[in-house]
Protein backbone atom coordinates (compact mmCIF):
# COMPACT_ATOMS: atom_id res chain seq x y z
CA MET A 1 0.00 0.00 0.00
CA ALA A 2 1.85 3.07 -1.19
CA GLN A 3 1.38 6.64 -0.10
CA ASN A 4 -0.44 7.40 -3.35
CA GLY A 5 -3.28 5.15 -2.23
CA THR A 6 -2.33 1.88 -3.91
CA GLU A 7 -4.38 -0.79 -2.20
CA MET A 8 -3.05 -3.96 -0.60
CA PRO A 9 -4.57 -6.82 -2.61
CA SER A 10 -5.20 -8.92 0.49
CA PHE A 11 -7.11 -6.22 2.36
CA LYS A 12 -10.46 -5.07 1.01
CA ARG A 13 -11.42 -1.43 1.27
CA PHE A 14 -14.77 -2.48 2.79
CA ASP A 15 -15.54 -5.81 4.41
CA VAL A 16 -17.77 -7.46 7.03
CA VAL A 17 -16.15 -9.18 10.02
CA SER A 18 -17.34 -10.93 13.16
CA ASP A 19 -15.13 -9.93 16.11
CA ASP A 20 -16.38 -6.69 17.69
CA SER A 21 -14.95 -7.35 21.15
CA ASP A 22 -12.64 -4.32 21.31
CA HIS A 23 -15.04 -1.86 19.67
CA TYR A 24 -15.71 1.14 21.90
CA PHE A 25 -19.48 0.89 21.50
CA ALA A 26 -19.68 -2.94 21.58
CA LYS A 27 -20.88 -3.07 25.19
CA ARG A 28 -23.58 -0.50 24.59
CA LYS A 29 -26.73 -1.87 26.19
CA LYS A 30 -30.37 -0.96 25.94
CA GLY A 31 -31.00 2.24 27.85
CA LYS A 32 -27.30 3.15 28.22
CA LYS A 33 -26.55 6.77 27.41
CA ASN A 34 -23.91 7.75 24.92
CA GLU A 35 -20.54 8.38 26.55
CA VAL A 36 -19.13 10.42 23.66
CA ALA A 37 -20.14 14.06 23.41
CA THR A 38 -22.88 14.74 20.85
CA ALA A 39 -25.50 17.42 20.44
CA ASP A 40 -27.99 15.03 22.06
CA ALA A 41 -25.70 13.50 24.65
CA GLY A 42 -28.46 13.10 27.19
CA GLU A 43 -30.74 11.00 24.99
CA ASP A 44 -31.22 7.26 25.10
CA ASP A 45 -28.93 5.42 22.66
CA SER A 46 -30.39 1.96 22.96
CA LEU A 47 -29.37 -0.79 20.57
CA ILE A 48 -30.98 -0.68 17.17
CA ASP A 49 -33.43 -3.17 15.76
CA SER A 50 -31.26 -5.28 13.45
CA ALA A 51 -34.13 -7.45 12.19
CA ALA A 52 -33.90 -7.89 8.43
CA GLY A 53 -36.59 -5.89 6.71
CA SER A 54 -36.89 -3.20 9.37
CA LYS A 55 -36.68 0.41 8.21
CA LEU A 56 -33.46 1.03 10.14
CA HIS A 57 -31.88 -2.20 8.90
CA LYS A 58 -32.55 -1.11 5.30
CA LYS A 59 -31.04 2.31 5.97
CA ILE A 60 -27.85 0.81 7.39
CA MET A 61 -27.55 -1.67 4.52
CA LYS A 62 -27.78 1.30 2.16
CA GLU A 63 -24.90 2.92 4.07
CA TRP A 64 -22.87 -0.27 3.66
CA ARG A 65 -23.41 -0.23 -0.10
CA ILE A 66 -22.41 3.43 -0.33
CA LEU A 67 -19.20 2.74 1.58
CA GLU A 68 -18.38 -0.38 -0.41
CA LYS A 69 -18.69 1.42 -3.75
CA ASN A 70 -17.39 4.90 -2.93
CA LEU A 71 -14.66 4.80 -0.29
CA PRO A 72 -11.81 7.08 -1.44
CA ASP A 73 -8.11 6.32 -1.30
CA LEU A 74 -6.62 6.00 2.18
CA ILE A 75 -9.89 5.06 3.95
CA TYR A 76 -10.80 1.48 4.92
CA VAL A 77 -13.92 0.33 6.79
CA ARG A 78 -15.05 -2.80 8.61
CA ALA A 79 -18.67 -3.58 9.43
CA TYR A 80 -19.83 -6.32 11.82
CA GLU A 81 -22.12 -9.18 10.85
CA ASN A 82 -23.62 -9.58 14.33
CA ARG A 83 -23.71 -5.87 15.18
CA ILE A 84 -24.82 -3.89 12.17
CA ASP A 85 -25.01 -0.81 14.39
CA LEU A 86 -21.19 -0.71 14.56
CA LEU A 87 -18.45 0.31 12.12
CA ARG A 88 -14.69 0.79 12.39
CA ALA A 89 -12.71 2.97 9.98
CA VAL A 90 -9.04 3.72 9.49
CA ILE A 91 -7.79 6.81 7.68
CA ILE A 92 -4.22 6.85 6.40
CA GLY A 93 -2.59 10.25 6.83
CA ALA A 94 -2.10 11.90 3.44
CA ALA A 95 1.17 13.14 1.96
CA GLY A 96 1.62 16.88 2.35
CA THR A 97 0.25 16.87 5.92
CA PRO A 98 1.93 16.26 9.30
CA TYR A 99 -0.20 13.11 9.49
CA HIS A 100 1.43 11.43 6.49
CA ASP A 101 1.82 7.64 6.72
CA GLY A 102 0.05 7.45 10.08
CA LEU A 103 -2.98 5.24 10.77
CA PHE A 104 -5.92 6.88 12.54
CA PHE A 105 -8.75 4.65 13.76
CA PHE A 106 -12.36 5.61 14.45
CA ASP A 107 -15.17 3.56 16.03
CA LEU A 108 -18.68 4.46 14.85
CA ALA A 109 -22.16 3.49 16.02
CA PHE A 110 -25.60 4.18 14.57
CA PRO A 111 -28.05 5.59 17.14
CA SER A 112 -31.43 3.94 17.53
CA ASP A 113 -33.20 6.75 15.66
CA TYR A 114 -30.72 6.97 12.78
CA PRO A 115 -30.70 8.98 10.53
CA ALA A 116 -32.57 11.51 12.66
CA ARG A 117 -29.25 11.92 14.49
CA PRO A 118 -25.73 11.48 13.08
CA PRO A 119 -23.63 8.43 13.90
CA MET A 120 -21.63 8.49 17.10
CA VAL A 121 -17.89 8.61 16.41
CA LEU A 122 -14.98 7.95 18.73
CA TYR A 123 -11.37 8.58 17.75
CA ARG A 124 -9.03 5.93 19.19
CA SER A 125 -6.66 8.56 20.55
CA HIS A 126 -4.44 6.65 23.03
CA GLY A 127 -4.88 9.74 25.21
CA LEU A 128 -3.14 11.99 22.66
CA ARG A 129 -4.59 15.15 21.16
CA LEU A 130 -3.02 15.60 17.74
CA ASN A 131 -5.66 17.89 16.25
CA PRO A 132 -7.92 20.68 17.55
CA ASN A 133 -10.91 18.60 16.39
CA LEU A 134 -9.76 15.29 17.92
CA TYR A 135 -9.80 15.32 21.71
CA ALA A 136 -7.69 13.13 23.96
CA ASN A 137 -10.88 11.46 25.26
CA GLY A 138 -11.83 10.44 21.71
CA THR A 139 -14.43 13.10 20.99
CA VAL A 140 -14.55 14.16 17.34
CA CYS A 141 -15.53 17.81 17.01
CA LEU A 142 -17.21 18.26 13.63
CA SER A 143 -20.21 20.25 12.40
CA LEU A 144 -21.48 17.26 10.42
CA LEU A 145 -21.68 15.28 13.67
CA ASN A 146 -23.47 18.16 15.41
CA THR A 147 -20.58 18.34 17.87
CA TRP A 148 -19.58 21.80 16.64
CA ALA A 149 -21.79 24.80 15.98
CA GLY A 150 -21.27 25.25 12.27
CA LYS A 151 -23.55 26.68 9.62
CA GLN A 152 -26.87 24.94 9.14
CA THR A 153 -25.72 23.70 5.73
CA GLU A 154 -22.68 22.09 7.40
CA ARG A 155 -24.65 20.21 10.03
CA TRP A 156 -26.18 16.74 9.81
CA ASN A 157 -29.08 16.50 7.37
CA PRO A 158 -31.13 13.32 7.96
CA ALA A 159 -32.35 13.36 4.36
CA GLU A 160 -28.94 13.63 2.71
CA SER A 161 -25.97 13.09 5.07
CA THR A 162 -24.10 9.77 5.15
CA VAL A 163 -21.32 8.01 7.02
CA LEU A 164 -19.18 8.35 3.91
CA GLN A 165 -19.49 12.13 4.16
CA VAL A 166 -18.42 11.97 7.79
CA LEU A 167 -15.27 9.98 6.98
CA VAL A 168 -14.34 12.14 4.00
CA SER A 169 -14.84 15.28 6.12
CA ILE A 170 -12.46 13.94 8.78
CA GLN A 171 -9.93 13.05 6.11
CA ALA A 172 -10.07 16.38 4.27
CA LEU A 173 -11.04 18.95 6.92
CA VAL A 174 -9.49 17.53 10.09
CA LEU A 175 -6.35 15.62 9.08
CA ASN A 176 -5.23 18.46 6.83
CA GLU A 177 -2.04 20.33 5.92
CA ARG A 178 -2.36 23.03 8.58
CA PRO A 179 -4.44 21.69 11.49
CA TYR A 180 -3.43 24.64 13.69
CA PHE A 181 -5.93 26.79 11.82
CA ASN A 182 -8.76 24.44 12.80
CA GLU A 183 -8.60 26.00 16.26
CA PRO A 184 -11.20 28.78 16.68
CA GLY A 185 -9.60 32.18 17.17
CA THR A 186 -6.47 31.56 15.12
CA GLY A 187 -5.46 34.09 12.50
CA LEU A 188 -5.46 33.91 8.74
CA PHE A 189 -3.26 31.96 6.35
CA GLY A 190 -0.21 33.87 5.20
CA HIS A 191 0.28 36.04 8.29
CA ALA A 192 3.86 35.56 9.52
CA ARG A 193 2.93 35.09 13.18
CA TRP A 194 0.20 32.54 12.54
CA GLU A 195 2.24 30.66 9.96
CA LYS A 196 5.07 30.36 12.49
CA ASN A 197 2.63 29.01 15.08
CA SER A 198 1.25 26.60 12.49
CA ARG A 199 4.68 25.19 11.68
CA SER A 200 5.40 24.75 15.38
CA TYR A 201 2.08 22.99 15.84
CA ASN A 202 2.88 20.65 12.94
CA ARG A 203 6.14 19.63 14.60
CA ASP A 204 4.29 18.75 17.80
CA VAL A 205 1.60 16.93 15.82
CA TYR A 206 4.14 14.84 13.96
CA LEU A 207 5.71 13.62 17.19
CA LEU A 208 2.28 12.60 18.47
CA CYS A 209 1.65 10.79 15.19
CA LEU A 210 4.85 8.81 15.70
CA LYS A 211 3.65 7.87 19.18
CA THR A 212 0.35 6.79 17.65
CA THR A 213 2.31 4.64 15.19
CA LEU A 214 4.07 2.87 18.05
CA TYR A 215 0.76 2.25 19.86
CA SER A 216 -0.79 0.84 16.68
CA ILE A 217 2.13 -1.52 16.08
CA ARG A 218 2.18 -2.77 19.65
CA ASN A 219 -1.59 -3.15 20.01
CA PRO A 220 -3.38 -3.03 16.65
CA PRO A 221 -7.20 -2.86 16.64
CA LYS A 222 -8.93 -6.17 16.00
CA ASN A 223 -9.53 -7.08 12.36
CA PHE A 224 -6.76 -4.65 11.36
CA GLU A 225 -3.74 -6.57 12.69
CA ASP A 226 -2.49 -7.66 9.27
CA PHE A 227 -3.30 -4.27 7.79
CA VAL A 228 -1.25 -2.39 10.40
CA ALA A 229 1.74 -4.71 10.04
CA ALA A 230 1.70 -4.62 6.22
CA HIS A 231 1.27 -0.85 6.08
CA TYR A 232 4.20 -0.10 8.37
CA ARG A 233 6.41 -2.74 6.79
CA HIS A 234 5.84 -0.97 3.49
CA ARG A 235 6.26 2.58 4.82
CA ALA A 236 8.98 2.02 7.46
CA LYS A 237 11.90 3.31 5.38
CA ALA A 238 9.97 6.38 4.25
CA ILE A 239 8.89 7.22 7.82
CA LEU A 240 12.44 6.92 9.15
CA ALA A 241 13.78 8.99 6.26
CA ALA A 242 11.21 11.68 7.02
CA CYS A 243 12.31 11.70 10.66
CA ARG A 244 15.92 12.29 9.60
CA GLU A 245 14.98 15.06 7.17
CA TYR A 246 12.78 16.86 9.70
CA ALA A 247 15.27 16.55 12.56
CA ASN A 248 18.03 17.96 10.37
CA GLY A 249 15.94 20.86 9.15
CA ARG A 250 16.21 19.86 5.51
CA VAL A 251 12.46 19.63 4.97
CA ARG A 252 9.60 21.33 6.73
CA VAL A 253 7.40 18.90 8.70
CA GLY A 254 4.69 17.44 6.52
CA TYR A 255 6.47 17.88 3.18
CA TYR A 256 8.72 14.84 2.93
CA ARG A 257 7.73 12.57 0.06
CA ASP A 258 9.85 9.48 -0.51
CA GLY A 259 13.11 11.26 -1.23
CA GLU A 260 11.66 14.41 -2.74
CA ASN A 261 11.32 17.72 -0.95
CA ASP A 262 7.92 19.14 -1.80
CA ASP A 263 7.83 22.09 0.56
CA ALA A 264 5.30 24.24 -1.26
CA SER A 265 5.07 26.75 1.56
CA SER A 266 8.81 27.42 1.67
CA SER A 267 9.10 27.72 -2.10
CA SER A 268 6.26 30.20 -2.51
CA SER A 269 8.67 33.12 -2.63
CA ALA A 270 12.37 33.76 -3.04
CA ALA A 271 12.61 35.01 0.53
CA ALA A 272 10.98 31.86 1.86
CA GLU A 273 13.35 29.67 -0.16
CA GLU A 274 16.36 31.34 1.45
CA GLU A 275 14.91 31.15 4.94
CA GLU A 276 16.44 28.41 7.03
CA ILE A 277 14.00 25.86 8.42
CA TYR A 278 13.73 26.22 12.16
CA VAL A 279 14.35 23.09 14.21
CA SER A 280 14.03 23.39 17.98
CA LYS A 281 16.22 21.49 20.40
CA LYS A 282 13.07 20.11 22.00
CA PHE A 283 11.92 18.66 18.69
CA VAL A 284 15.33 17.16 17.96
CA GLY A 285 15.54 15.69 21.44
CA SER A 286 12.11 14.09 21.11
CA MET A 287 12.99 12.74 17.69
CA LYS A 288 16.21 11.22 19.00
CA THR A 289 14.17 9.38 21.64
CA MET A 290 11.44 8.30 19.23
CA TYR A 291 13.62 7.14 16.35
CA PRO A 292 15.12 3.98 17.93
CA GLN A 293 11.70 2.97 19.24
CA LEU A 294 10.31 3.21 15.72
CA VAL A 295 13.16 1.13 14.33
CA THR A 296 12.57 -1.54 16.98
CA GLY A 297 8.84 -1.58 16.21
CA PHE A 298 9.40 -1.82 12.46
CA VAL A 299 11.92 -4.63 12.86
CA LYS A 300 9.48 -6.62 15.01
CA ILE A 301 6.82 -6.56 12.29
CA GLY A 302 9.33 -7.66 9.65
CA ALA A 303 10.29 -4.41 7.93
CA SER A 304 13.51 -4.90 5.98
CA GLY A 305 16.48 -2.57 5.67
CA VAL A 306 15.74 -0.49 8.75
CA GLY A 307 17.97 -2.13 11.38
CA GLY A 308 21.63 -3.01 11.19
CA SER A 309 24.50 -2.15 13.49
CA SER A 310 23.87 1.60 13.34
CA GLY A 311 20.30 1.57 12.04
CA HIS A 312 18.83 2.45 15.44
CA GLN A 313 20.78 5.71 15.59
CA LEU A 314 19.45 9.01 14.31
CA LYS A 315 22.26 10.76 12.46
CA LEU A 316 22.10 14.53 12.68
CA VAL A 317 23.87 17.24 10.75
CA LYS A 318 24.73 19.82 13.38
CA LYS A 319 23.16 23.11 12.30
CA THR A 320 23.79 25.63 15.06
CA THR A 321 21.93 28.44 13.35
CA SER A 322 18.81 26.31 13.15
CA PHE A 323 18.93 24.59 16.51
CA ASP A 324 19.87 27.73 18.42
CA LYS A 325 17.17 29.96 16.98
CA GLU A 326 14.98 29.10 19.92
CA LYS A 327 17.29 31.23 22.05
CA GLY A 328 15.84 34.28 20.33
CA LYS A 329 17.52 37.52 21.28
CA ASN A 330 19.95 35.80 23.64
CA GLY A 331 21.27 33.71 20.76
CA PHE A 332 21.73 36.86 18.68
CA VAL A 333 23.59 38.62 21.51
CA GLU A 334 25.93 35.65 21.97
CA LYS A 335 26.71 35.65 18.26
CA LEU A 336 27.35 39.39 18.36
CA PHE A 337 29.85 39.12 21.21
CA THR A 338 31.59 36.24 19.50
CA THR A 339 31.96 38.35 16.37
CA ILE A 340 33.32 41.30 18.38
CA LYS A 341 35.86 39.07 20.12
CA ARG A 342 37.03 37.66 16.83
CA VAL A 343 37.32 41.10 15.18
CA PHE A 344 39.31 42.57 18.06
CA GLY A 345 41.45 39.46 18.54
CA LEU A 346 40.02 38.71 21.98
CA GLU A 347 38.94 35.15 21.21
CA LYS A 348 41.36 32.50 22.44
CA LYS A 349 42.90 30.40 19.72
CA LYS A 350 42.10 26.72 19.89
CA SER A 351 45.07 24.39 20.03
CA GLY A 352 45.42 21.06 18.28
CA LYS A 353 43.90 19.79 15.09
CA ILE A 354 40.55 20.88 13.79
CA SER A 355 38.04 18.13 14.37
CA ASN A 356 35.21 17.34 12.02
CA ASN A 357 32.19 17.63 14.28
CA ASN A 358 29.61 18.36 11.64
CA ILE A 359 28.15 14.86 11.91
CA VAL A 360 26.71 13.88 15.26
CA SER A 361 25.54 10.34 15.91
CA VAL A 362 23.29 9.71 18.88
């Protein structure tokens, strides 16, 4: 399964399975209230009538057919033969976003009065919040789910809205190129301050995505075990290469594509092209910790060409001007004094041979 959406032959885009034991809504009983925030969180979400021929059964079967025929690239869905009120979906993070190559799982359930109300959706977050619309407790904040106060035309329409629309909305509107701007109150695209905040947010998001990758490898959701292993075996080298490029400040987070730098935002103007990509010490430190864990995880699932004697080490090109930018004015002052010392001959001469310390292995 490549990043361009090429499908694994052995894994159908839509299929029906039997084991629902780890589904978030599987233990939902008659009369139990919904635990995930919705516009109607206080209402009864009893189990649906799954009897063949019932009006609700027909509606859900129609949803299945829509999903089976129309799922876009990078989205896979499993339905359950004994619990037609449940669905599980995985969305593969798209290239050009800080979510690239990650696997993001969602558990869905049809309410008893569907489609009067939208499906209930829980993001399997592992306690991590990697998007303003995806909470650490699993809540998905989206107008189409009536969990966010959007325009009337953006909210759930019982006559027209579908589960497919929900999944495509999450893929396109939530797991996007600049998730920072999903947060209410943020500024506009293009403004220097907000763009800087957005790039910083993307770095943090990417680290959380790597943690999510480790969680998925170690404990994959049921019915997706083979899918998770095959996906990360295929993408392991690309993910590790992206980590090296981002940590070294050669590519802006989100823009690594299998050996090609596609940083559209940094190439939009001559000034941006000349601007050095900022890499904070905190980000580098976190990447150094994460990298060997990723290698270990990839090796365990059978990824080839990612281990070796030095394969667990993240090699960094020491770029003082990038890494020390976080010092702000203090960094500038230190540079200024160093320059003054050198100009006036006050800097002590170093003895011995010049060492090549441009390459740092950790």
